[in-house]
Amino acid sequence: MEYLIANASHLEHKVYPVPEAIDRQIAHLKLEAMGVQMDRLTPDQERYLASWNEGT
């Protein structure tokens, strides 16, 4: 984000992708501002989801 601000006058007017970590942080902050809390999967739920193979 700092790069975009510092170089704004040299960049084209378009949507620029950001790294996934930054995207997730922004999404978390937005949800927090809206009063929404996200659930976390339990270890059992994570194992169950990881056990599925495509096409089964």
C-alpha atoms as a PDB file:
ATOM      1  CA  MET A   1       0.000   0.000   0.000  1.00  0.00           C
ATOM      2  CA  GLU A   2       2.847   2.355   0.812  1.00  0.00           C
ATOM      3  CA  TYR A   3       4.271   1.712  -2.648  1.00  0.00           C
ATOM      4  CA  LEU A   4       0.979   2.666  -4.274  1.00  0.00           C
ATOM      5  CA  ILE A   5       0.749   5.885  -2.292  1.00  0.00           C
ATOM      6  CA  ALA A   6       4.382   6.861  -2.890  1.00  0.00           C
ATOM      7  CA  ASN A   7       4.158   6.172  -6.642  1.00  0.00           C
ATOM      8  CA  ALA A   8       0.562   7.184  -7.330  1.00  0.00           C
ATOM      9  CA  SER A   9       1.519   9.851  -9.871  1.00  0.00           C
ATOM     10  CA  HIS A  10       3.465   7.295 -11.957  1.00  0.00           C
ATOM     11  CA  LEU A  11       0.904   4.478 -11.967  1.00  0.00           C
ATOM     12  CA  GLU A  12      -1.927   3.803 -14.391  1.00  0.00           C
ATOM     13  CA  HIS A  13      -5.483   4.250 -13.158  1.00  0.00           C
ATOM     14  CA  LYS A  14      -6.489   0.608 -12.736  1.00  0.00           C
ATOM     15  CA  VAL A  15      -7.006  -2.033 -10.088  1.00  0.00           C
ATOM     16  CA  TYR A  16      -3.731  -3.460  -8.762  1.00  0.00           C
ATOM     17  CA  PRO A  17      -3.592  -6.869  -7.067  1.00  0.00           C
ATOM     18  CA  VAL A  18      -2.192  -7.053  -3.554  1.00  0.00           C
ATOM     19  CA  PRO A  19      -0.541  -9.994  -1.784  1.00  0.00           C
ATOM     20  CA  GLU A  20      -2.992 -12.439  -0.196  1.00  0.00           C
ATOM     21  CA  ALA A  21      -1.797 -11.600   3.329  1.00  0.00           C
ATOM     22  CA  ILE A  22      -2.669  -7.929   2.838  1.00  0.00           C
ATOM     23  CA  ASP A  23      -6.012  -8.828   1.239  1.00  0.00           C
ATOM     24  CA  ARG A  24      -6.899 -11.016   4.228  1.00  0.00           C
ATOM     25  CA  GLN A  25      -5.843  -8.301   6.694  1.00  0.00           C
ATOM     26  CA  ILE A  26      -8.023  -5.722   4.947  1.00  0.00           C
ATOM     27  CA  ALA A  27     -10.964  -8.146   4.891  1.00  0.00           C
ATOM     28  CA  HIS A  28     -10.497  -8.862   8.606  1.00  0.00           C
ATOM     29  CA  LEU A  29     -10.415  -5.142   9.439  1.00  0.00           C
ATOM     30  CA  LYS A  30     -13.538  -4.489   7.341  1.00  0.00           C
ATOM     31  CA  LEU A  31     -15.471  -7.295   9.013  1.00  0.00           C
ATOM     32  CA  GLU A  32     -14.310  -6.103  12.424  1.00  0.00           C
ATOM     33  CA  ALA A  33     -15.524  -2.565  11.618  1.00  0.00           C
ATOM     34  CA  MET A  34     -18.899  -4.053  10.662  1.00  0.00           C
ATOM     35  CA  GLY A  35     -19.091  -5.965  13.950  1.00  0.00           C
ATOM     36  CA  VAL A  36     -18.797  -9.359  12.211  1.00  0.00           C
ATOM     37  CA  GLN A  37     -16.723 -12.126  13.764  1.00  0.00           C
ATOM     38  CA  MET A  38     -15.397 -15.091  11.802  1.00  0.00           C
ATOM     39  CA  ASP A  39     -15.442 -18.582  13.235  1.00  0.00           C
ATOM     40  CA  ARG A  40     -12.322 -20.718  13.183  1.00  0.00           C
ATOM     41  CA  LEU A  41     -12.385 -24.375  12.205  1.00  0.00           C
ATOM     42  CA  THR A  42     -11.672 -26.865  14.943  1.00  0.00           C
ATOM     43  CA  PRO A  43      -8.748 -29.254  14.395  1.00  0.00           C
ATOM     44  CA  ASP A  44     -11.299 -32.046  13.733  1.00  0.00           C
ATOM     45  CA  GLN A  45     -13.012 -29.927  11.056  1.00  0.00           C
ATOM     46  CA  GLU A  46      -9.677 -29.101   9.407  1.00  0.00           C
ATOM     47  CA  ARG A  47      -8.712 -32.811   9.299  1.00  0.00           C
ATOM     48  CA  TYR A  48     -12.097 -33.711   7.837  1.00  0.00           C
ATOM     49  CA  LEU A  49     -11.846 -31.093   5.081  1.00  0.00           C
ATOM     50  CA  ALA A  50      -8.253 -32.094   4.306  1.00  0.00           C
ATOM     51  CA  SER A  51      -9.295 -35.743   3.960  1.00  0.00           C
ATOM     52  CA  TRP A  52     -11.502 -35.127   0.914  1.00  0.00           C
ATOM     53  CA  ASN A  53     -10.065 -35.791  -2.519  1.00  0.00           C
ATOM     54  CA  GLU A  54     -11.361 -34.218  -5.695  1.00  0.00           C
ATOM     55  CA  GLY A  55     -13.975 -36.377  -7.420  1.00  0.00           C
ATOM     56  CA  THR A  56     -15.009 -38.395  -4.390  1.00  0.00           C
END
